[in-house]
Amino acid sequence: MTAPSPSTPPRPSRRIDAVDLARGAALAAMAAYHALWDLGFLQLTPLNYALTPMGRLAAHGIAGSFLLLVGAGLVLANGDGVRWRSFALRIARIGGAALLITAATRIAFPQSYIFFGILHCIAVSSVLGLPFVFLPAWIAALGALAVLLAPRVVVHPLLDAPEFYFLGLGRGLPDSNDWVPLFPWFGMVLAGIALARLLRPALSDSALARWRARHALARGAAFAGRHSLAVYLIHQPVLLALFTGLVTLTGPHPKAGLASFRKDYVAHCARTGGEAGACRIAARCTADALRQEGLWGSGKPYSAEERARAQGLSQRCYEAAEGTAPPP
């Protein structure tokens, strides 16, 4: 039996609960974000707060934490030598789940289906990141910096083609419900590898590595972290089913879509020659009139008669705002 190299710390015999707990916390944050998105998508809130600047910032933070943990997990699982069977099975599970999500969203959301989301990125990044597990930490760190900066410095017309959207180096932004391209996100995996390579010697026999989740909440989070793929696949259909049931009972929020309607109205009004101030007043007036006439929030396309009524209301509102309305 060959003794381990003195420079390589022994592989822990058990999973590190603290890492599973961190993964579980990231899952909880992701579920909360998806719940926020679902509420907006089903018009249970005035607007989709997940799509606001703060919501997008939160989404980036959650995705980044997941990918950082992916890099750390690669080191913890394979730092003493790749366990090829386990690694291949993991990639097959994640890749299969990614393809399943692509197929399902292509049916449910054909205009914004997920062609390269978080699972696609994890699968590809795990394969690309594996060699860095055995390189010095500074090489992984430099690689992380290069990948994170690449979208800002790499420019070529060829990269703008939709076929290369998965890279994230083009100027186009695809319409997708979950887009996590390799650049810059593979950089977070490399950053996780670099951090784990630096910290693993100290972690291997530390109090953090020996810590065990004993509180019920901590055990639950660690359990979710150990089964993160299953939790990820299940939580969104469950949330959508619950909120869909809720919206059938309550109906949409009375102000759902109001802000976006006003913004679109003003933009269209200005493009067609309207005066900016009058456009803003007409936008508020039209929204109120549509609600009073029962033409707001049905979720169904207008009939020809309803469209004519809505256009008439809009025209009267703009004429009143502009001061050109005919006398009663």
Protein backbone atom coordinates (compact mmCIF):
# COMPACT_ATOMS: atom_id res chain seq x y z
CA MET A 1 0.00 0.00 0.00
CA THR A 2 1.45 3.37 -1.05
CA ALA A 3 1.51 6.13 1.53
CA PRO A 4 0.13 9.50 0.50
CA SER A 5 2.56 12.20 -0.50
CA PRO A 6 3.53 14.41 2.48
CA SER A 7 2.59 17.48 0.41
CA THR A 8 -0.94 16.22 -0.27
CA PRO A 9 -3.44 16.25 2.59
CA PRO A 10 -5.43 13.06 3.08
CA ARG A 11 -8.92 13.01 1.59
CA PRO A 12 -11.55 13.41 4.28
CA SER A 13 -13.38 10.18 4.96
CA ARG A 14 -16.72 11.95 5.26
CA ARG A 15 -18.41 14.79 3.48
CA ILE A 16 -17.84 18.22 4.94
CA ASP A 17 -21.17 19.30 6.38
CA ALA A 18 -20.18 22.97 6.21
CA VAL A 19 -19.82 22.74 2.42
CA ASP A 20 -23.19 20.97 2.12
CA LEU A 21 -24.72 23.63 4.37
CA ALA A 22 -23.34 26.39 2.14
CA ARG A 23 -24.76 24.66 -0.92
CA GLY A 24 -28.11 24.30 0.86
CA ALA A 25 -28.12 28.00 1.70
CA ALA A 26 -27.45 28.82 -1.96
CA LEU A 27 -30.36 26.56 -2.92
CA ALA A 28 -32.65 28.38 -0.50
CA ALA A 29 -31.64 31.72 -1.99
CA MET A 30 -32.26 30.37 -5.50
CA ALA A 31 -35.70 29.06 -4.50
CA ALA A 32 -36.57 32.46 -3.03
CA TYR A 33 -35.50 34.18 -6.25
CA HIS A 34 -37.50 31.75 -8.38
CA ALA A 35 -40.53 32.32 -6.16
CA LEU A 36 -40.16 36.05 -6.75
CA TRP A 37 -39.93 35.45 -10.51
CA ASP A 38 -42.98 33.16 -10.47
CA LEU A 39 -45.06 35.74 -8.58
CA GLY A 40 -44.23 38.34 -11.21
CA PHE A 41 -44.70 35.97 -14.14
CA LEU A 42 -48.17 34.99 -12.91
CA GLN A 43 -48.97 38.66 -12.19
CA LEU A 44 -49.47 38.15 -8.48
CA THR A 45 -47.28 41.21 -7.85
CA PRO A 46 -47.47 44.68 -9.45
CA LEU A 47 -44.29 43.99 -11.42
CA ASN A 48 -41.75 41.21 -11.71
CA TYR A 49 -39.30 42.25 -9.01
CA ALA A 50 -36.91 39.48 -10.06
CA LEU A 51 -36.28 41.43 -13.28
CA THR A 52 -35.48 44.74 -11.58
CA PRO A 53 -31.83 45.83 -11.26
CA MET A 54 -31.74 44.63 -7.64
CA GLY A 55 -33.36 41.34 -8.63
CA ARG A 56 -30.82 40.75 -11.38
CA LEU A 57 -28.00 41.59 -8.98
CA ALA A 58 -29.34 39.00 -6.54
CA ALA A 59 -29.58 36.43 -9.34
CA HIS A 60 -25.94 37.02 -10.27
CA GLY A 61 -24.86 36.65 -6.66
CA ILE A 62 -26.74 33.36 -6.28
CA ALA A 63 -25.38 31.93 -9.53
CA GLY A 64 -21.87 33.03 -8.59
CA SER A 65 -22.06 31.33 -5.19
CA PHE A 66 -23.20 28.08 -6.80
CA LEU A 67 -20.37 28.10 -9.32
CA LEU A 68 -17.81 29.00 -6.66
CA LEU A 69 -18.95 25.91 -4.73
CA VAL A 70 -18.73 23.82 -7.92
CA GLY A 71 -15.06 24.71 -8.20
CA ALA A 72 -14.42 23.97 -4.52
CA GLY A 73 -16.28 20.67 -4.84
CA LEU A 74 -14.08 19.62 -7.77
CA VAL A 75 -11.01 20.03 -5.58
CA LEU A 76 -12.49 18.29 -2.54
CA ALA A 77 -13.73 15.33 -4.61
CA ASN A 78 -10.77 14.89 -6.96
CA GLY A 79 -7.82 16.64 -5.38
CA ASP A 80 -6.10 13.34 -4.52
CA GLY A 81 -6.82 11.83 -7.93
CA VAL A 82 -9.81 11.77 -10.23
CA ARG A 83 -12.42 9.18 -9.39
CA TRP A 84 -13.40 8.76 -13.00
CA ARG A 85 -16.52 6.68 -12.52
CA SER A 86 -17.96 9.05 -9.92
CA PHE A 87 -16.98 12.07 -12.01
CA ALA A 88 -18.50 10.66 -15.19
CA LEU A 89 -21.76 9.75 -13.43
CA ARG A 90 -21.98 13.25 -11.97
CA ILE A 91 -21.48 14.90 -15.36
CA ALA A 92 -24.02 12.52 -16.93
CA ARG A 93 -26.63 13.38 -14.26
CA ILE A 94 -26.12 17.13 -14.54
CA GLY A 95 -25.90 17.08 -18.34
CA GLY A 96 -29.01 14.92 -18.60
CA ALA A 97 -30.91 17.24 -16.27
CA ALA A 98 -29.76 20.24 -18.34
CA LEU A 99 -31.09 18.64 -21.53
CA LEU A 100 -34.35 17.83 -19.77
CA ILE A 101 -34.74 21.48 -18.76
CA THR A 102 -34.03 22.60 -22.32
CA ALA A 103 -36.70 20.24 -23.67
CA ALA A 104 -39.27 21.19 -21.03
CA THR A 105 -38.78 24.94 -21.38
CA ARG A 106 -38.80 24.67 -25.18
CA ILE A 107 -42.36 23.38 -24.82
CA ALA A 108 -43.48 25.70 -22.00
CA PHE A 109 -41.65 28.88 -23.06
CA PRO A 110 -40.75 28.51 -26.76
CA GLN A 111 -39.74 32.17 -27.11
CA SER A 112 -37.44 32.18 -24.06
CA TYR A 113 -36.46 28.57 -23.46
CA ILE A 114 -33.30 27.69 -21.52
CA PHE A 115 -30.57 26.60 -23.92
CA PHE A 116 -27.56 27.28 -21.66
CA GLY A 117 -28.58 27.80 -18.06
CA ILE A 118 -26.92 27.13 -14.73
CA LEU A 119 -26.87 23.33 -15.13
CA HIS A 120 -25.43 23.51 -18.65
CA CYS A 121 -22.73 25.83 -17.32
CA ILE A 122 -21.96 23.56 -14.36
CA ALA A 123 -21.62 20.48 -16.57
CA VAL A 124 -19.30 22.11 -19.11
CA SER A 125 -17.34 24.05 -16.49
CA SER A 126 -16.76 20.89 -14.46
CA VAL A 127 -15.11 19.23 -17.45
CA LEU A 128 -13.09 22.31 -18.37
CA GLY A 129 -12.10 22.96 -14.76
CA LEU A 130 -10.88 19.47 -13.90
CA PRO A 131 -7.30 19.98 -15.20
CA PHE A 132 -6.96 23.11 -13.04
CA VAL A 133 -7.52 20.98 -9.92
CA PHE A 134 -3.97 19.64 -10.38
CA LEU A 135 -2.28 22.90 -11.36
CA PRO A 136 -0.91 25.48 -8.93
CA ALA A 137 -3.56 27.69 -7.38
CA TRP A 138 -2.10 30.82 -8.97
CA ILE A 139 -2.73 29.41 -12.46
CA ALA A 140 -6.40 28.81 -11.61
CA ALA A 141 -6.61 32.32 -10.15
CA LEU A 142 -5.12 33.89 -13.29
CA GLY A 143 -7.47 31.79 -15.41
CA ALA A 144 -10.41 33.00 -13.33
CA LEU A 145 -9.41 36.63 -13.82
CA ALA A 146 -8.99 36.15 -17.58
CA VAL A 147 -12.38 34.47 -17.99
CA LEU A 148 -14.14 37.07 -15.84
CA LEU A 149 -12.67 39.93 -17.89
CA ALA A 150 -13.00 38.30 -21.32
CA PRO A 151 -16.51 39.63 -22.13
CA ARG A 152 -15.19 43.18 -21.73
CA VAL A 153 -12.06 42.78 -23.87
CA VAL A 154 -12.80 40.07 -26.46
CA VAL A 155 -14.69 41.44 -29.46
CA HIS A 156 -15.27 39.78 -32.83
CA PRO A 157 -18.31 39.85 -35.16
CA LEU A 158 -18.27 36.05 -35.39
CA LEU A 159 -19.02 35.84 -31.65
CA ASP A 160 -22.26 37.78 -32.16
CA ALA A 161 -23.85 34.81 -33.96
CA PRO A 162 -26.63 33.05 -31.98
CA GLU A 163 -24.69 29.77 -32.30
CA PHE A 164 -22.07 31.25 -29.96
CA TYR A 165 -24.43 32.73 -27.37
CA PHE A 166 -23.38 29.98 -24.95
CA LEU A 167 -19.92 31.58 -24.80
CA GLY A 168 -21.21 34.98 -23.67
CA LEU A 169 -18.65 36.89 -25.72
CA GLY A 170 -21.02 38.45 -28.24
CA ARG A 171 -22.90 41.71 -28.02
CA GLY A 172 -26.33 40.09 -28.28
CA LEU A 173 -28.50 39.20 -25.30
CA PRO A 174 -30.65 36.13 -25.96
CA ASP A 175 -34.22 35.96 -24.74
CA SER A 176 -33.87 33.12 -22.25
CA ASN A 177 -35.33 32.50 -18.80
CA ASP A 178 -31.92 31.36 -17.53
CA TRP A 179 -28.72 32.27 -19.39
CA VAL A 180 -25.39 31.49 -17.70
CA PRO A 181 -22.73 31.60 -20.44
CA LEU A 182 -19.21 30.24 -19.98
CA PHE A 183 -17.73 33.74 -20.03
CA PRO A 184 -17.68 35.15 -17.40
CA TRP A 185 -19.26 32.39 -15.27
CA PHE A 186 -16.60 29.71 -15.78
CA GLY A 187 -14.35 32.22 -14.05
CA MET A 188 -16.27 31.67 -10.80
CA VAL A 189 -15.61 27.92 -11.03
CA LEU A 190 -11.91 28.61 -11.50
CA ALA A 191 -12.00 31.02 -8.56
CA GLY A 192 -13.54 28.25 -6.44
CA ILE A 193 -10.80 25.86 -7.53
CA ALA A 194 -8.10 28.40 -6.66
CA LEU A 195 -9.59 29.08 -3.21
CA ALA A 196 -10.02 25.39 -2.43
CA ARG A 197 -6.46 24.63 -3.56
CA LEU A 198 -5.18 27.31 -1.20
CA LEU A 199 -7.39 26.42 1.77
CA ARG A 200 -7.58 22.63 1.51
CA PRO A 201 -4.37 21.87 3.46
CA ALA A 202 -5.62 23.93 6.40
CA LEU A 203 -9.19 22.67 6.04
CA SER A 204 -8.42 18.95 6.03
CA ASP A 205 -8.01 18.68 9.81
CA SER A 206 -9.76 21.83 10.97
CA ALA A 207 -12.71 22.32 13.30
CA LEU A 208 -14.76 23.38 10.27
CA ALA A 209 -14.10 20.06 8.53
CA ARG A 210 -15.05 18.15 11.70
CA TRP A 211 -18.19 20.20 12.35
CA ARG A 212 -21.45 18.24 11.99
CA ALA A 213 -24.88 19.71 11.40
CA ARG A 214 -26.96 18.80 14.47
CA HIS A 215 -29.70 21.43 14.57
CA ALA A 216 -32.77 20.46 12.56
CA LEU A 217 -32.52 23.49 10.29
CA ALA A 218 -28.82 22.92 9.66
CA ARG A 219 -29.41 19.21 9.01
CA GLY A 220 -32.17 20.04 6.55
CA ALA A 221 -30.00 22.56 4.70
CA ALA A 222 -27.07 20.12 4.59
CA PHE A 223 -29.36 17.35 3.32
CA ALA A 224 -30.59 19.66 0.56
CA GLY A 225 -26.99 20.55 -0.26
CA ARG A 226 -26.07 16.87 -0.61
CA HIS A 227 -29.00 16.37 -3.01
CA SER A 228 -28.82 19.74 -4.71
CA LEU A 229 -29.60 18.49 -8.23
CA ALA A 230 -32.84 16.81 -7.15
CA VAL A 231 -33.88 19.87 -5.14
CA TYR A 232 -33.08 22.14 -8.07
CA LEU A 233 -35.18 20.08 -10.49
CA ILE A 234 -38.16 19.75 -8.15
CA HIS A 235 -38.50 23.14 -6.53
CA GLN A 236 -39.52 25.23 -9.54
CA PRO A 237 -42.37 22.99 -10.79
CA VAL A 238 -43.67 22.83 -7.21
CA LEU A 239 -43.54 26.61 -6.82
CA LEU A 240 -45.23 27.19 -10.18
CA ALA A 241 -47.99 24.73 -9.33
CA LEU A 242 -48.62 26.39 -5.95
CA PHE A 243 -48.69 29.93 -7.33
CA THR A 244 -50.79 28.92 -10.33
CA GLY A 245 -53.35 27.51 -7.93
CA LEU A 246 -53.19 30.73 -5.93
CA VAL A 247 -53.75 32.99 -8.94
CA THR A 248 -56.80 30.97 -9.99
CA LEU A 249 -58.32 31.77 -6.58
CA THR A 250 -57.26 35.39 -6.20
CA GLY A 251 -56.85 36.57 -9.77
CA PRO A 252 -53.90 38.76 -10.78
CA HIS A 253 -52.81 41.74 -8.75
CA PRO A 254 -54.92 44.76 -9.78
CA LYS A 255 -51.78 46.76 -10.64
CA ALA A 256 -49.91 43.91 -12.33
CA GLY A 257 -48.25 45.14 -15.49
CA LEU A 258 -49.21 48.76 -14.86
CA ALA A 259 -45.67 50.14 -14.72
CA SER A 260 -44.56 48.31 -17.86
CA PHE A 261 -47.76 49.37 -19.69
CA ARG A 262 -47.12 53.02 -18.90
CA LYS A 263 -43.47 52.75 -19.95
CA ASP A 264 -44.36 51.07 -23.26
CA TYR A 265 -47.20 53.51 -23.88
CA VAL A 266 -44.96 56.54 -23.38
CA ALA A 267 -42.26 55.08 -25.62
CA HIS A 268 -44.73 54.31 -28.41
CA CYS A 269 -46.46 57.66 -28.02
CA ALA A 270 -43.13 59.52 -28.30
CA ARG A 271 -42.06 57.49 -31.34
CA THR A 272 -45.27 58.45 -33.14
CA GLY A 273 -44.76 62.17 -32.55
CA GLY A 274 -46.44 62.70 -29.20
CA GLU A 275 -45.26 65.31 -26.74
CA ALA A 276 -43.44 63.73 -23.78
CA GLY A 277 -45.50 65.32 -21.01
CA ALA A 278 -48.79 64.59 -22.74
CA CYS A 279 -47.70 61.01 -23.36
CA ARG A 280 -47.06 60.44 -19.66
CA ILE A 281 -50.45 61.91 -18.68
CA ALA A 282 -52.20 59.89 -21.39
CA ALA A 283 -50.49 56.70 -20.22
CA ARG A 284 -51.95 57.06 -16.72
CA CYS A 285 -55.35 58.07 -18.09
CA THR A 286 -55.48 55.15 -20.54
CA ALA A 287 -54.54 52.59 -17.91
CA ASP A 288 -57.27 53.89 -15.58
CA ALA A 289 -59.82 53.92 -18.41
CA LEU A 290 -59.00 50.36 -19.47
CA ARG A 291 -59.48 49.17 -15.90
CA GLN A 292 -62.81 50.99 -15.55
CA GLU A 293 -64.03 49.49 -18.82
CA GLY A 294 -63.03 45.95 -17.84
CA LEU A 295 -60.35 45.79 -20.54
CA TRP A 296 -57.43 45.42 -18.13
CA GLY A 297 -55.84 42.25 -16.79
CA SER A 298 -57.91 39.59 -18.55
CA GLY A 299 -54.80 37.97 -19.99
CA LYS A 300 -56.62 37.23 -23.23
CA PRO A 301 -56.07 38.89 -26.61
CA TYR A 302 -58.53 41.64 -27.46
CA SER A 303 -61.33 40.96 -29.89
CA ALA A 304 -61.70 43.38 -32.80
CA GLU A 305 -64.42 45.25 -30.89
CA GLU A 306 -62.34 45.43 -27.68
CA ARG A 307 -59.30 46.63 -29.59
CA ALA A 308 -61.33 49.41 -31.16
CA ARG A 309 -62.67 50.43 -27.72
CA ALA A 310 -59.15 50.44 -26.24
CA GLN A 311 -57.80 52.55 -29.11
CA GLY A 312 -60.67 54.98 -28.68
CA LEU A 313 -59.96 55.35 -24.98
CA SER A 314 -56.28 55.92 -25.70
CA GLN A 315 -57.04 58.55 -28.32
CA ARG A 316 -59.41 60.44 -26.02
CA CYS A 317 -56.89 60.34 -23.18
CA TYR A 318 -54.12 61.75 -25.37
CA GLU A 319 -56.34 64.49 -26.79
CA ALA A 320 -57.36 65.46 -23.25
CA ALA A 321 -53.72 65.49 -22.12
CA GLU A 322 -52.67 67.56 -25.12
CA GLY A 323 -55.62 69.92 -24.76
CA THR A 324 -57.05 69.17 -28.19
CA ALA A 325 -60.08 67.15 -27.10
CA PRO A 326 -63.32 68.33 -28.70
CA PRO A 327 -65.75 70.06 -26.34
CA PRO A 328 -68.42 67.76 -24.84
